[in-house]
Amino acid sequence: MKDFSITCGKADAEDPQEHIHIQWVDDDKNVSKGVISPIDGKSMETITNVKIFHGSECKANGKVIRWTEVFFLENDDQHNCFSDPADHSRLTEHVTKAFCLALCPHLKLLKEDGMTKLGLRVTLDSDQVSYQAGRNGQHLPSQYMNDLNSALVPVIHGGACQLSEASVVMELIEDISQSSFAKCCEIECYGNRTAPDSPLEHMRLVQVTAREHMGSG
């Protein structure tokens, strides 16, 4: 790969307005320096990761949960685990959507209890299909697990059916913050449906939405 520059500005301008310089550098191994898993405090340094700038999000009760990063805990090329590399991206998106949907009704309580950075670790291989969810170096309290099980189990089992012989271990990072909108679960969370009034209606909607995302993939 060679470095190069791009001149920007109006075509008829006497002097170019700006230049963009593209320079190839060595891989920065310090990009995750000091980062630890919200689930168990495991160091995430040197682990391959991808920053997510337009990831899934869900808004409710003046709070928003947003997918910000994914770490690949296995050393092998994760995309080789699927017959179609696009399946990997779809699975990651489906998992984080289900996670956000399940926790959407609990965002206010989670933030009030200081649980603003959450981790979701998903393991898929021939011997094990499982997930762990945590915050502040500990697993999430049991009060959230029924909603998470209902939303995540169908999605990760569906993803396991797409695997080749290799395995996938990935950890998704989600942040909870104050929303710029004070009310409602918005269209990102519920599509064209009205936000449900009760937890039971919410979980039915989570399951329907998760199935639709898997079917559309």
Protein backbone atom coordinates (compact mmCIF):
# COMPACT_ATOMS: atom_id res chain seq x y z
CA MET A 1 0.00 0.00 0.00
CA LYS A 2 1.26 3.47 -0.87
CA ASP A 3 0.55 6.81 0.78
CA PHE A 4 -1.25 9.35 -1.39
CA SER A 5 -2.94 12.75 -1.23
CA ILE A 6 -6.28 14.05 -2.50
CA THR A 7 -6.78 17.68 -3.48
CA CYS A 8 -10.23 19.04 -2.62
CA GLY A 9 -12.09 22.19 -3.59
CA LYS A 10 -13.79 23.76 -6.59
CA ALA A 11 -12.53 22.59 -9.95
CA ASP A 12 -12.06 26.13 -11.27
CA ALA A 13 -10.39 27.52 -8.13
CA GLU A 14 -6.89 28.93 -8.57
CA ASP A 15 -5.68 27.40 -5.31
CA PRO A 16 -7.03 24.16 -3.85
CA GLN A 17 -8.96 24.71 -0.62
CA GLU A 18 -7.62 21.70 1.24
CA HIS A 19 -5.66 18.48 0.95
CA ILE A 20 -6.41 15.05 2.38
CA HIS A 21 -3.35 12.90 3.07
CA ILE A 22 -3.80 9.12 3.32
CA GLN A 23 -0.97 7.41 5.17
CA TRP A 24 -0.64 3.71 5.96
CA VAL A 25 0.76 3.00 9.43
CA ASP A 26 1.52 -0.03 11.58
CA ASP A 27 -1.38 -1.61 13.48
CA ASP A 28 -1.94 0.31 16.71
CA LYS A 29 -1.92 -2.31 19.46
CA ASN A 30 -2.62 0.34 22.12
CA VAL A 31 -6.06 1.23 20.76
CA SER A 32 -7.76 -0.76 23.57
CA LYS A 33 -5.17 -0.07 26.24
CA GLY A 34 -6.74 -0.13 29.69
CA VAL A 35 -10.11 -1.36 28.41
CA ILE A 36 -11.74 -4.12 30.48
CA SER A 37 -14.87 -6.19 29.98
CA PRO A 38 -18.00 -4.94 31.74
CA ILE A 39 -18.91 -8.59 32.36
CA ASP A 40 -15.97 -9.94 34.36
CA GLY A 41 -13.19 -7.34 34.27
CA LYS A 42 -11.22 -9.32 31.64
CA SER A 43 -8.59 -7.20 29.91
CA MET A 44 -9.54 -6.38 26.32
CA GLU A 45 -6.09 -5.13 25.32
CA THR A 46 -4.76 -6.55 22.02
CA ILE A 47 -8.16 -8.13 21.25
CA THR A 48 -9.44 -7.38 17.76
CA ASN A 49 -12.29 -4.90 17.95
CA VAL A 50 -14.48 -2.71 15.76
CA LYS A 51 -15.94 0.65 16.75
CA ILE A 52 -19.61 1.03 15.83
CA PHE A 53 -20.64 4.55 14.85
CA HIS A 54 -24.19 3.91 13.62
CA GLY A 55 -25.17 0.84 15.59
CA SER A 56 -28.51 -0.33 16.92
CA GLU A 57 -30.13 1.77 19.59
CA CYS A 58 -33.35 1.96 21.55
CA LYS A 59 -34.92 4.88 23.41
CA ALA A 60 -37.31 4.72 26.36
CA ASN A 61 -38.17 6.89 29.38
CA GLY A 62 -35.74 9.59 28.36
CA LYS A 63 -32.81 7.14 28.10
CA VAL A 64 -31.09 5.49 25.16
CA ILE A 65 -29.09 2.26 24.90
CA ARG A 66 -26.63 2.23 22.00
CA TRP A 67 -24.27 -0.40 20.57
CA THR A 68 -20.78 1.15 20.43
CA GLU A 69 -18.20 -1.61 19.97
CA VAL A 70 -17.65 -5.31 19.32
CA PHE A 71 -14.63 -7.41 20.42
CA PHE A 72 -13.74 -10.75 18.81
CA LEU A 73 -12.37 -12.90 21.62
CA GLU A 74 -11.29 -15.78 19.37
CA ASN A 75 -7.92 -15.40 17.63
CA ASP A 76 -9.09 -16.98 14.36
CA ASP A 77 -10.68 -15.00 11.56
CA GLN A 78 -14.28 -14.75 12.69
CA HIS A 79 -15.65 -14.45 9.17
CA ASN A 80 -14.36 -17.94 8.35
CA CYS A 81 -16.87 -19.34 10.85
CA PHE A 82 -19.72 -18.79 8.40
CA SER A 83 -20.36 -20.15 4.95
CA ASP A 84 -21.31 -16.60 3.90
CA PRO A 85 -19.26 -13.74 5.47
CA ALA A 86 -22.37 -11.56 5.43
CA ASP A 87 -23.95 -13.98 7.92
CA HIS A 88 -21.49 -12.77 10.55
CA SER A 89 -22.57 -9.15 10.21
CA ARG A 90 -26.24 -10.11 10.22
CA LEU A 91 -25.86 -12.24 13.33
CA THR A 92 -24.06 -9.46 15.20
CA GLU A 93 -26.76 -6.96 14.26
CA HIS A 94 -29.59 -9.33 15.20
CA VAL A 95 -28.02 -10.10 18.58
CA THR A 96 -27.50 -6.48 19.54
CA LYS A 97 -31.03 -5.52 18.40
CA ALA A 98 -32.51 -8.27 20.58
CA PHE A 99 -30.36 -7.17 23.53
CA CYS A 100 -31.43 -3.54 23.19
CA LEU A 101 -35.10 -4.47 22.81
CA ALA A 102 -35.06 -6.69 25.90
CA LEU A 103 -33.56 -3.99 28.11
CA CYS A 104 -35.55 -1.10 26.65
CA PRO A 105 -38.18 -1.09 29.46
CA HIS A 106 -35.44 -1.14 32.11
CA LEU A 107 -33.20 1.70 30.89
CA LYS A 108 -34.26 4.19 33.57
CA LEU A 109 -33.58 1.74 36.41
CA LEU A 110 -30.30 0.55 34.89
CA LYS A 111 -28.99 4.10 34.58
CA GLU A 112 -30.16 5.07 38.08
CA ASP A 113 -28.28 2.04 39.46
CA GLY A 114 -25.07 3.10 37.69
CA MET A 115 -25.21 0.37 35.06
CA THR A 116 -24.40 2.60 32.10
CA LYS A 117 -21.87 0.38 30.28
CA LEU A 118 -23.06 -3.14 29.53
CA GLY A 119 -21.35 -6.11 27.94
CA LEU A 120 -22.89 -9.05 26.09
CA ARG A 121 -20.60 -12.02 25.38
CA VAL A 122 -21.92 -14.60 22.93
CA THR A 123 -20.32 -18.03 22.45
CA LEU A 124 -21.26 -20.20 19.48
CA ASP A 125 -19.53 -23.49 18.72
CA SER A 126 -20.35 -27.14 18.22
CA ASP A 127 -20.29 -27.87 21.98
CA GLN A 128 -21.74 -24.70 23.47
CA VAL A 129 -24.26 -22.00 22.62
CA SER A 130 -24.48 -19.43 25.39
CA TYR A 131 -24.34 -15.79 26.40
CA GLN A 132 -23.28 -13.73 29.39
CA ALA A 133 -24.44 -10.20 30.17
CA GLY A 134 -22.83 -7.96 32.74
CA ARG A 135 -21.91 -4.54 34.06
CA ASN A 136 -19.19 -3.15 36.33
CA GLY A 137 -17.31 -6.47 36.25
CA GLN A 138 -20.33 -8.50 37.40
CA HIS A 139 -23.21 -10.33 35.76
CA LEU A 140 -26.48 -8.45 35.35
CA PRO A 141 -28.95 -8.97 38.23
CA SER A 142 -31.39 -11.84 37.82
CA GLN A 143 -34.38 -9.49 37.46
CA TYR A 144 -33.31 -8.79 33.86
CA MET A 145 -32.58 -12.35 32.79
CA ASN A 146 -36.09 -13.50 31.86
CA ASP A 147 -36.44 -10.67 29.35
CA LEU A 148 -32.94 -11.32 28.00
CA ASN A 149 -33.53 -15.06 27.66
CA SER A 150 -36.78 -14.53 25.77
CA ALA A 151 -35.12 -12.13 23.32
CA LEU A 152 -31.64 -13.62 22.89
CA VAL A 153 -32.02 -17.40 23.00
CA PRO A 154 -33.94 -17.68 19.67
CA VAL A 155 -31.48 -15.34 17.96
CA ILE A 156 -28.25 -17.02 19.07
CA HIS A 157 -29.60 -20.52 18.41
CA GLY A 158 -30.59 -19.35 14.94
CA GLY A 159 -27.06 -18.00 14.47
CA ALA A 160 -25.54 -21.31 15.57
CA CYS A 161 -27.31 -23.05 12.68
CA GLN A 162 -25.32 -20.91 10.23
CA LEU A 163 -21.90 -21.84 11.64
CA SER A 164 -19.29 -23.89 9.85
CA GLU A 165 -16.95 -26.03 11.96
CA ALA A 166 -15.21 -23.08 13.64
CA SER A 167 -16.49 -21.17 16.68
CA VAL A 168 -17.46 -17.59 17.43
CA VAL A 169 -16.86 -15.73 20.69
CA MET A 170 -17.68 -12.04 20.55
CA GLU A 171 -18.43 -9.36 23.11
CA LEU A 172 -20.73 -6.46 22.32
CA ILE A 173 -20.45 -3.21 24.29
CA GLU A 174 -23.57 -1.12 24.88
CA ASP A 175 -23.79 2.32 26.51
CA ILE A 176 -26.82 3.80 28.29
CA SER A 177 -27.10 7.58 28.32
CA GLN A 178 -29.63 10.38 28.56
CA SER A 179 -31.72 10.69 25.41
CA SER A 180 -32.32 14.00 23.70
CA PHE A 181 -35.95 12.91 23.47
CA ALA A 182 -37.80 12.66 26.76
CA LYS A 183 -40.47 10.11 25.86
CA CYS A 184 -41.28 6.88 24.06
CA CYS A 185 -39.50 3.98 22.46
CA GLU A 186 -38.89 5.34 19.01
CA ILE A 187 -39.12 3.82 15.57
CA GLU A 188 -35.57 2.38 15.83
CA CYS A 189 -36.85 0.14 18.60
CA TYR A 190 -40.39 -0.78 17.57
CA GLY A 191 -40.51 -0.13 13.83
CA ASN A 192 -43.94 1.16 12.89
CA ARG A 193 -45.61 -0.25 16.00
CA THR A 194 -46.79 1.68 19.02
CA ALA A 195 -44.67 1.26 22.15
CA PRO A 196 -46.33 -1.34 24.42
CA ASP A 197 -47.95 -0.39 27.71
CA SER A 198 -47.07 -3.50 29.71
CA PRO A 199 -43.95 -5.71 30.13
CA LEU A 200 -45.88 -8.71 28.74
CA GLU A 201 -46.84 -6.83 25.59
CA HIS A 202 -43.24 -5.64 25.30
CA MET A 203 -41.81 -9.17 25.38
CA ARG A 204 -44.31 -10.37 22.77
CA LEU A 205 -43.20 -7.50 20.56
CA VAL A 206 -39.51 -8.31 21.20
CA GLN A 207 -40.02 -11.89 20.05
CA VAL A 208 -41.97 -10.86 16.93
CA THR A 209 -39.39 -8.19 16.03
CA ALA A 210 -36.46 -10.59 16.56
CA ARG A 211 -38.08 -13.18 14.29
CA GLU A 212 -38.68 -10.53 11.63
CA HIS A 213 -35.02 -9.45 11.74
CA MET A 214 -33.84 -13.05 11.42
CA GLY A 215 -36.27 -13.64 8.56
CA SER A 216 -35.23 -10.47 6.73
CA GLY A 217 -31.56 -11.44 6.95
